[in-house]
Amino acid sequence: MATKQADYWRERFAQLEEAANQQGLSACADLEFQYRKAQQELEAKIAVWYQRFADNNQTSLAEARKWLTGKDLEEFRWSVQDYIKYGRENAFSGAWTQQLENASARFHISRLDALKLHTQQSAEVMFGNQLDTVDAAMRKIYSSDYYHTAYEIQKGIGIGREIASIDQNKLLKILSKPWAVDGKNFSERIWGNKNKLINELHTELTRNIMLGKAPDKAIENIAKKMGTSKYNAGRLVMTESAYFSAAAQRDCFGDLGVEKYEVVATLDSHTSDICQRLDGKVFDMKDYEPGVTAPPFHVWCRSTTVPYFDDDFESPGERAARDEDGKTYYVPAGMKYSEWKKEYVKQPQ
């Protein structure tokens, strides 16, 4: 492939990778806010809980397991009913709603159990919002990259054809399908992170009470665990962003008849060894495999793919542009994305 053509694809698709990366970072900023809000709620609940029955910020597990007073129980039952209502309105998991209903119906409940339920509610809300944030971001990244890939290819070869808009049912299947070696999709990973964090928070609260430590120690340790969970969430978002960006390009390449692709790495002081080795490597589309021949090759991967044509644009360009009826259309080099999308993306009837 001529150097000028290769430079064109590298430049344009590097911009697409950067756009997807920025969308991922935006989702991470939303998660940062959600973690900060949840942590503030947890700290407030812990402080209030200790203040109600601790003497000089010292208590024992036996004291913590005492039943709530009638007034406390009435307030706690009201809180749980409020949680249940919130959960039903926001489609929380049936298991958590059932657990809350059981807690509300119990007459005997320890103060520690009450605090654990309050703590878990904050985590359930946070992770529910996290899933919504990640799901919306991945949908946006896939759709945007698919259309922008088609636009860049058709503009680059100077000819195009009408393409179908992305089917939302198909997109749901793409988002739900596991792609990594652990066999989990991002939704399952988020719920796994939720369960891990809740278990750690409950363990920390119990340990703190058993050792008779002041509440600020529990708050300090919980903040560390929240920080670790937040880091894991950010890593998940950026890795999934890289995958769905690459998946959109893969699917668009296939739909447009591109037969080969080239791996392009972002080369700087942070570039991994594997990305450096694969930069410039050309593969057949039939050999496309995330983590092996296509990005993401690792966590925080910034590599991308570009279409590869063996000769000049005309021959492969015709294959990539021809529609079902064999019709092709001229795409001016100066045509803007919004104009192209309006002209060539066929909307559902």
Protein backbone atom coordinates (compact mmCIF):
# COMPACT_ATOMS: atom_id res chain seq x y z
CA MET A 1 0.00 0.00 0.00
CA ALA A 2 1.33 3.40 -0.94
CA THR A 3 2.71 5.41 1.96
CA LYS A 4 0.34 8.32 1.32
CA GLN A 5 -2.67 6.01 1.52
CA ALA A 6 -1.34 4.27 4.63
CA ASP A 7 -0.77 7.63 6.33
CA TYR A 8 -4.34 8.66 5.52
CA TRP A 9 -5.87 5.60 7.21
CA ARG A 10 -3.54 5.83 10.20
CA GLU A 11 -4.32 9.49 10.77
CA ARG A 12 -8.09 9.18 10.41
CA PHE A 13 -8.46 6.06 12.53
CA ALA A 14 -6.13 7.38 15.22
CA GLN A 15 -8.64 10.20 15.58
CA LEU A 16 -11.47 7.68 15.93
CA GLU A 17 -9.53 5.83 18.63
CA GLU A 18 -8.94 9.07 20.51
CA ALA A 19 -12.65 9.95 20.30
CA ALA A 20 -13.61 6.55 21.74
CA ASN A 21 -10.98 6.97 24.44
CA GLN A 22 -12.46 10.36 25.41
CA GLN A 23 -15.94 8.84 25.62
CA GLY A 24 -14.54 6.18 27.94
CA LEU A 25 -12.88 8.84 30.10
CA SER A 26 -16.17 10.73 30.27
CA ALA A 27 -17.87 7.58 31.58
CA CYS A 28 -15.07 7.22 34.14
CA ALA A 29 -15.77 10.77 35.33
CA ASP A 30 -19.41 9.82 35.87
CA LEU A 31 -18.33 6.78 37.87
CA GLU A 32 -16.00 8.98 39.94
CA PHE A 33 -18.99 11.10 40.93
CA GLN A 34 -21.08 8.01 41.76
CA TYR A 35 -18.35 6.57 44.00
CA ARG A 36 -17.84 9.90 45.75
CA LYS A 37 -21.57 10.23 46.43
CA ALA A 38 -21.85 6.65 47.71
CA GLN A 39 -18.82 7.07 49.96
CA GLN A 40 -20.26 10.23 51.49
CA GLU A 41 -23.51 8.38 52.19
CA LEU A 42 -21.64 5.48 53.78
CA GLU A 43 -19.55 7.73 55.98
CA ALA A 44 -22.64 9.61 57.16
CA LYS A 45 -24.52 6.39 57.98
CA ILE A 46 -21.57 4.95 59.89
CA ALA A 47 -21.11 8.13 61.91
CA VAL A 48 -24.81 8.34 62.81
CA TRP A 49 -24.95 4.65 63.69
CA TYR A 50 -22.00 4.88 66.08
CA GLN A 51 -23.31 8.04 67.68
CA ARG A 52 -26.63 6.40 68.54
CA PHE A 53 -25.33 3.73 70.86
CA ALA A 54 -21.54 3.91 71.23
CA ASP A 55 -20.05 5.20 74.47
CA ASN A 56 -17.01 7.40 73.78
CA ASN A 57 -16.73 5.80 70.35
CA GLN A 58 -16.05 2.41 71.95
CA THR A 59 -18.35 -0.60 71.69
CA SER A 60 -18.34 -4.38 71.52
CA LEU A 61 -19.76 -6.93 69.13
CA ALA A 62 -22.15 -8.08 71.85
CA GLU A 63 -23.47 -4.53 72.21
CA ALA A 64 -23.74 -4.15 68.44
CA ARG A 65 -25.88 -7.29 68.24
CA LYS A 66 -28.49 -5.98 70.65
CA TRP A 67 -31.92 -5.52 69.20
CA LEU A 68 -32.98 -2.14 68.04
CA THR A 69 -35.28 -0.14 70.32
CA GLY A 70 -38.90 0.24 69.29
CA LYS A 71 -38.23 3.72 67.94
CA ASP A 72 -35.11 2.62 66.04
CA LEU A 73 -36.93 -0.39 64.62
CA GLU A 74 -39.79 1.76 63.41
CA GLU A 75 -37.36 4.14 61.68
CA PHE A 76 -35.35 1.28 60.22
CA ARG A 77 -38.46 -0.45 58.87
CA TRP A 78 -39.48 2.83 57.23
CA SER A 79 -36.06 3.16 55.62
CA VAL A 80 -36.21 -0.36 54.23
CA GLN A 81 -39.69 0.17 52.83
CA ASP A 82 -38.36 3.29 51.13
CA TYR A 83 -35.48 1.25 49.71
CA ILE A 84 -37.91 -1.39 48.41
CA LYS A 85 -40.01 1.27 46.69
CA TYR A 86 -36.88 2.78 45.11
CA GLY A 87 -35.74 -0.66 43.98
CA ARG A 88 -39.03 -1.49 42.31
CA GLU A 89 -39.15 1.85 40.54
CA ASN A 90 -35.58 1.43 39.28
CA ALA A 91 -35.70 -2.28 38.38
CA PHE A 92 -33.26 -3.47 41.05
CA SER A 93 -32.38 -7.14 41.22
CA GLY A 94 -35.12 -9.35 42.63
CA ALA A 95 -32.69 -10.94 45.09
CA TRP A 96 -31.88 -7.63 46.80
CA THR A 97 -35.54 -6.57 46.90
CA GLN A 98 -36.45 -9.91 48.49
CA GLN A 99 -33.68 -9.49 51.06
CA LEU A 100 -35.04 -6.07 51.98
CA GLU A 101 -38.58 -7.37 52.28
CA ASN A 102 -37.38 -10.14 54.59
CA ALA A 103 -35.47 -7.62 56.72
CA SER A 104 -38.50 -5.36 56.95
CA ALA A 105 -40.66 -8.24 58.16
CA ARG A 106 -38.20 -9.31 60.90
CA PHE A 107 -38.93 -8.33 64.48
CA HIS A 108 -35.51 -9.14 65.86
CA ILE A 109 -32.63 -7.47 64.05
CA SER A 110 -29.26 -6.33 65.32
CA ARG A 111 -27.92 -2.83 64.97
CA LEU A 112 -25.01 -4.25 63.01
CA ASP A 113 -27.41 -5.95 60.59
CA ALA A 114 -29.23 -2.67 60.16
CA LEU A 115 -26.01 -0.85 59.32
CA LYS A 116 -25.03 -3.58 56.87
CA LEU A 117 -28.36 -3.24 55.08
CA HIS A 118 -28.01 0.54 54.92
CA THR A 119 -24.48 0.07 53.57
CA GLN A 120 -25.55 -2.45 50.96
CA GLN A 121 -28.36 -0.18 49.78
CA SER A 122 -25.84 2.55 48.98
CA ALA A 123 -23.72 0.03 47.07
CA GLU A 124 -26.72 -1.40 45.18
CA VAL A 125 -27.77 2.07 44.04
CA MET A 126 -24.22 2.98 43.03
CA PHE A 127 -23.63 -0.16 41.00
CA GLY A 128 -27.05 0.09 39.39
CA ASN A 129 -26.13 3.58 38.22
CA GLN A 130 -22.70 2.30 37.19
CA LEU A 131 -24.24 -0.34 34.94
CA ASP A 132 -26.49 2.26 33.31
CA THR A 133 -23.49 4.53 32.73
CA VAL A 134 -21.32 1.80 31.21
CA ASP A 135 -24.12 0.39 29.07
CA ALA A 136 -24.94 3.83 27.64
CA ALA A 137 -21.25 4.56 27.00
CA MET A 138 -20.64 1.26 25.19
CA ARG A 139 -23.74 1.74 23.02
CA LYS A 140 -22.56 5.20 22.08
CA ILE A 141 -19.00 4.09 21.37
CA TYR A 142 -20.03 1.15 19.19
CA SER A 143 -22.60 3.14 17.18
CA SER A 144 -20.36 6.16 16.73
CA ASP A 145 -17.34 4.11 15.68
CA TYR A 146 -19.36 1.99 13.25
CA TYR A 147 -20.76 4.99 11.40
CA HIS A 148 -17.52 6.98 11.53
CA THR A 149 -15.60 3.97 10.19
CA ALA A 150 -17.96 3.67 7.22
CA TYR A 151 -17.71 7.41 6.65
CA GLU A 152 -13.90 7.46 6.68
CA ILE A 153 -13.64 4.46 4.34
CA GLN A 154 -16.14 5.83 1.84
CA LYS A 155 -14.63 9.31 1.95
CA GLY A 156 -11.14 7.85 1.64
CA ILE A 157 -11.91 5.82 -1.47
CA GLY A 158 -14.17 8.53 -2.88
CA ILE A 159 -17.20 6.32 -3.41
CA GLY A 160 -19.88 4.92 -1.15
CA ARG A 161 -23.22 3.23 -0.82
CA GLU A 162 -26.22 3.39 1.44
CA ILE A 163 -25.79 1.42 4.66
CA ALA A 164 -28.42 0.24 7.10
CA SER A 165 -28.73 1.90 10.48
CA ILE A 166 -27.62 -0.20 13.43
CA ASP A 167 -30.29 -2.61 14.59
CA GLN A 168 -30.83 -2.09 18.32
CA ASN A 169 -31.66 -5.76 18.99
CA LYS A 170 -28.43 -6.76 17.27
CA LEU A 171 -26.55 -4.15 19.29
CA LEU A 172 -27.97 -5.58 22.52
CA LYS A 173 -26.65 -9.03 21.54
CA ILE A 174 -23.23 -7.55 20.75
CA LEU A 175 -23.08 -5.79 24.12
CA SER A 176 -24.25 -8.89 25.99
CA LYS A 177 -21.86 -11.35 24.36
CA PRO A 178 -18.73 -12.16 26.44
CA TRP A 179 -15.50 -11.54 24.56
CA ALA A 180 -12.68 -12.01 27.09
CA VAL A 181 -11.20 -15.33 28.23
CA ASP A 182 -13.10 -15.25 31.54
CA GLY A 183 -16.38 -15.69 29.63
CA LYS A 184 -18.04 -12.67 31.29
CA ASN A 185 -19.62 -9.59 29.77
CA PHE A 186 -19.26 -6.15 31.33
CA SER A 187 -22.59 -6.46 33.15
CA GLU A 188 -21.45 -9.63 34.91
CA ARG A 189 -18.13 -8.04 35.79
CA ILE A 190 -19.89 -5.03 37.33
CA TRP A 191 -22.13 -7.25 39.48
CA GLY A 192 -19.09 -9.29 40.46
CA ASN A 193 -17.32 -6.11 41.57
CA LYS A 194 -20.46 -5.14 43.50
CA ASN A 195 -20.61 -8.41 45.42
CA LYS A 196 -16.90 -8.23 46.20
CA LEU A 197 -17.15 -4.68 47.54
CA ILE A 198 -20.25 -5.40 49.64
CA ASN A 199 -18.57 -8.42 51.24
CA GLU A 200 -15.49 -6.35 52.01
CA LEU A 201 -17.55 -3.51 53.50
CA HIS A 202 -19.53 -5.89 55.73
CA THR A 203 -16.34 -7.63 56.87
CA GLU A 204 -14.71 -4.29 57.67
CA LEU A 205 -17.69 -3.11 59.70
CA THR A 206 -17.83 -6.35 61.72
CA ARG A 207 -14.07 -6.37 62.32
CA ASN A 208 -14.09 -2.75 63.42
CA ILE A 209 -16.82 -3.41 65.98
CA MET A 210 -15.20 -6.61 67.28
CA LEU A 211 -11.96 -4.73 67.90
CA GLY A 212 -13.82 -1.83 69.52
CA LYS A 213 -12.28 0.72 67.19
CA ALA A 214 -13.52 4.25 66.62
CA PRO A 215 -15.75 4.89 63.58
CA ASP A 216 -13.10 6.98 61.83
CA LYS A 217 -11.01 3.82 61.42
CA ALA A 218 -13.87 2.02 59.70
CA ILE A 219 -14.42 5.05 57.46
CA GLU A 220 -10.71 5.17 56.59
CA ASN A 221 -10.55 1.47 55.65
CA ILE A 222 -13.81 1.62 53.71
CA ALA A 223 -12.49 4.61 51.76
CA LYS A 224 -9.50 2.50 50.69
CA LYS A 225 -11.75 -0.34 49.53
CA MET A 226 -13.96 2.11 47.65
CA GLY A 227 -10.83 3.50 46.00
CA THR A 228 -9.78 0.05 44.84
CA SER A 229 -13.26 -0.67 43.52
CA LYS A 230 -13.31 2.67 41.70
CA TYR A 231 -9.96 1.89 40.05
CA ASN A 232 -11.28 -1.49 38.91
CA ALA A 233 -14.39 0.18 37.51
CA GLY A 234 -12.27 2.65 35.55
CA ARG A 235 -10.09 -0.14 34.19
CA LEU A 236 -13.19 -2.05 33.12
CA VAL A 237 -14.66 0.98 31.34
CA MET A 238 -11.52 1.76 29.37
CA THR A 239 -10.92 -1.87 28.38
CA GLU A 240 -14.54 -2.33 27.29
CA SER A 241 -14.35 0.98 25.41
CA ALA A 242 -11.33 -0.27 23.48
CA TYR A 243 -13.06 -3.55 22.69
CA PHE A 244 -16.37 -2.11 21.46
CA SER A 245 -14.57 0.52 19.43
CA ALA A 246 -12.55 -2.24 17.74
CA ALA A 247 -15.67 -4.44 17.40
CA ALA A 248 -17.50 -1.64 15.60
CA GLN A 249 -14.62 -1.28 13.15
CA ARG A 250 -14.48 -5.06 12.67
CA ASP A 251 -18.20 -5.27 11.91
CA CYS A 252 -18.08 -2.26 9.58
CA PHE A 253 -15.04 -3.66 7.75
CA GLY A 254 -16.95 -6.90 7.24
CA ASP A 255 -20.13 -5.16 6.08
CA LEU A 256 -18.17 -3.06 3.58
CA GLY A 257 -16.21 -6.00 2.19
CA VAL A 258 -12.79 -5.02 3.56
CA GLU A 259 -10.68 -8.17 3.47
CA LYS A 260 -7.57 -7.14 5.41
CA TYR A 261 -6.75 -4.80 8.28
CA GLU A 262 -3.62 -3.32 9.81
CA VAL A 263 -2.90 -2.88 13.51
CA VAL A 264 -1.90 0.66 14.45
CA ALA A 265 -0.49 1.40 17.91
CA THR A 266 -0.25 4.75 19.66
CA LEU A 267 3.52 5.02 19.91
CA ASP A 268 4.86 6.92 22.89
CA SER A 269 6.66 6.20 26.17
CA HIS A 270 3.60 4.34 27.49
CA THR A 271 3.19 1.96 24.56
CA SER A 272 3.30 -1.69 25.67
CA ASP A 273 5.74 -4.21 24.20
CA ILE A 274 2.96 -6.23 22.56
CA CYS A 275 1.47 -3.15 20.86
CA GLN A 276 4.93 -2.11 19.62
CA ARG A 277 5.47 -5.58 18.15
CA LEU A 278 2.09 -5.67 16.42
CA ASP A 279 2.17 -2.11 15.08
CA GLY A 280 1.99 -2.27 11.28
CA LYS A 281 1.11 -5.98 11.18
CA VAL A 282 -1.48 -6.90 8.56
CA PHE A 283 -4.05 -9.66 9.07
CA ASP A 284 -6.90 -11.18 7.10
CA MET A 285 -10.34 -10.37 8.49
CA LYS A 286 -10.97 -14.10 9.00
CA ASP A 287 -8.10 -14.11 11.53
CA TYR A 288 -9.54 -11.24 13.62
CA GLU A 289 -9.35 -12.18 17.32
CA PRO A 290 -9.47 -9.65 20.19
CA GLY A 291 -6.37 -9.82 22.36
CA VAL A 292 -4.45 -11.89 19.81
CA THR A 293 -4.59 -10.23 16.40
CA ALA A 294 -6.75 -7.23 17.25
CA PRO A 295 -7.14 -4.79 20.15
CA PRO A 296 -7.54 -4.57 23.02
CA PHE A 297 -4.31 -6.46 23.66
CA HIS A 298 -4.23 -5.52 27.35
CA VAL A 299 -5.90 -3.29 29.94
CA TRP A 300 -5.81 0.41 28.96
CA CYS A 301 -4.94 -0.56 25.36
CA ARG A 302 -4.89 2.34 22.87
CA SER A 303 -4.20 0.43 19.67
CA THR A 304 -6.65 0.49 16.78
CA THR A 305 -7.14 -1.06 13.35
CA VAL A 306 -7.30 0.44 9.86
CA PRO A 307 -8.47 -1.03 6.54
CA TYR A 308 -5.65 -2.42 4.44
CA PHE A 309 -5.72 -2.49 0.63
CA ASP A 310 -3.03 -4.35 -1.33
CA ASP A 311 -3.20 -2.05 -4.34
CA ASP A 312 -4.67 1.36 -5.12
CA PHE A 313 -8.17 2.35 -4.12
CA GLU A 314 -10.15 1.48 -7.25
CA SER A 315 -10.46 -2.30 -7.05
CA PRO A 316 -10.91 -2.81 -3.29
CA GLY A 317 -12.73 0.50 -3.14
CA GLU A 318 -15.41 -0.78 -5.47
CA ARG A 319 -15.85 -3.88 -3.31
CA ALA A 320 -16.16 -1.78 -0.18
CA ALA A 321 -18.69 0.60 -1.75
CA ARG A 322 -21.02 -1.54 -3.85
CA ASP A 323 -24.51 -2.07 -2.41
CA GLU A 324 -26.82 -5.04 -2.95
CA ASP A 325 -27.85 -3.69 -6.36
CA GLY A 326 -24.28 -2.99 -7.40
CA LYS A 327 -24.82 0.79 -7.17
CA THR A 328 -22.14 3.13 -5.94
CA TYR A 329 -22.16 6.86 -5.24
CA TYR A 330 -19.50 9.54 -5.31
CA VAL A 331 -18.42 10.74 -1.85
CA PRO A 332 -16.55 14.07 -2.04
CA ALA A 333 -13.39 14.29 0.07
CA GLY A 334 -14.72 17.43 1.72
CA MET A 335 -18.08 15.91 2.68
CA LYS A 336 -18.79 16.37 6.38
CA TYR A 337 -19.81 13.48 8.61
CA SER A 338 -23.26 14.91 9.36
CA GLU A 339 -23.93 15.32 5.63
CA TRP A 340 -22.73 11.81 4.87
CA LYS A 341 -24.83 10.25 7.63
CA LYS A 342 -27.96 12.03 6.47
CA GLU A 343 -27.33 10.97 2.89
CA TYR A 344 -26.14 7.38 3.23
CA VAL A 345 -27.39 5.89 6.52
CA LYS A 346 -30.76 4.27 5.83
CA GLN A 347 -33.16 4.84 8.69
CA PRO A 348 -35.58 2.07 9.74
CA GLN A 349 -39.09 2.31 8.30
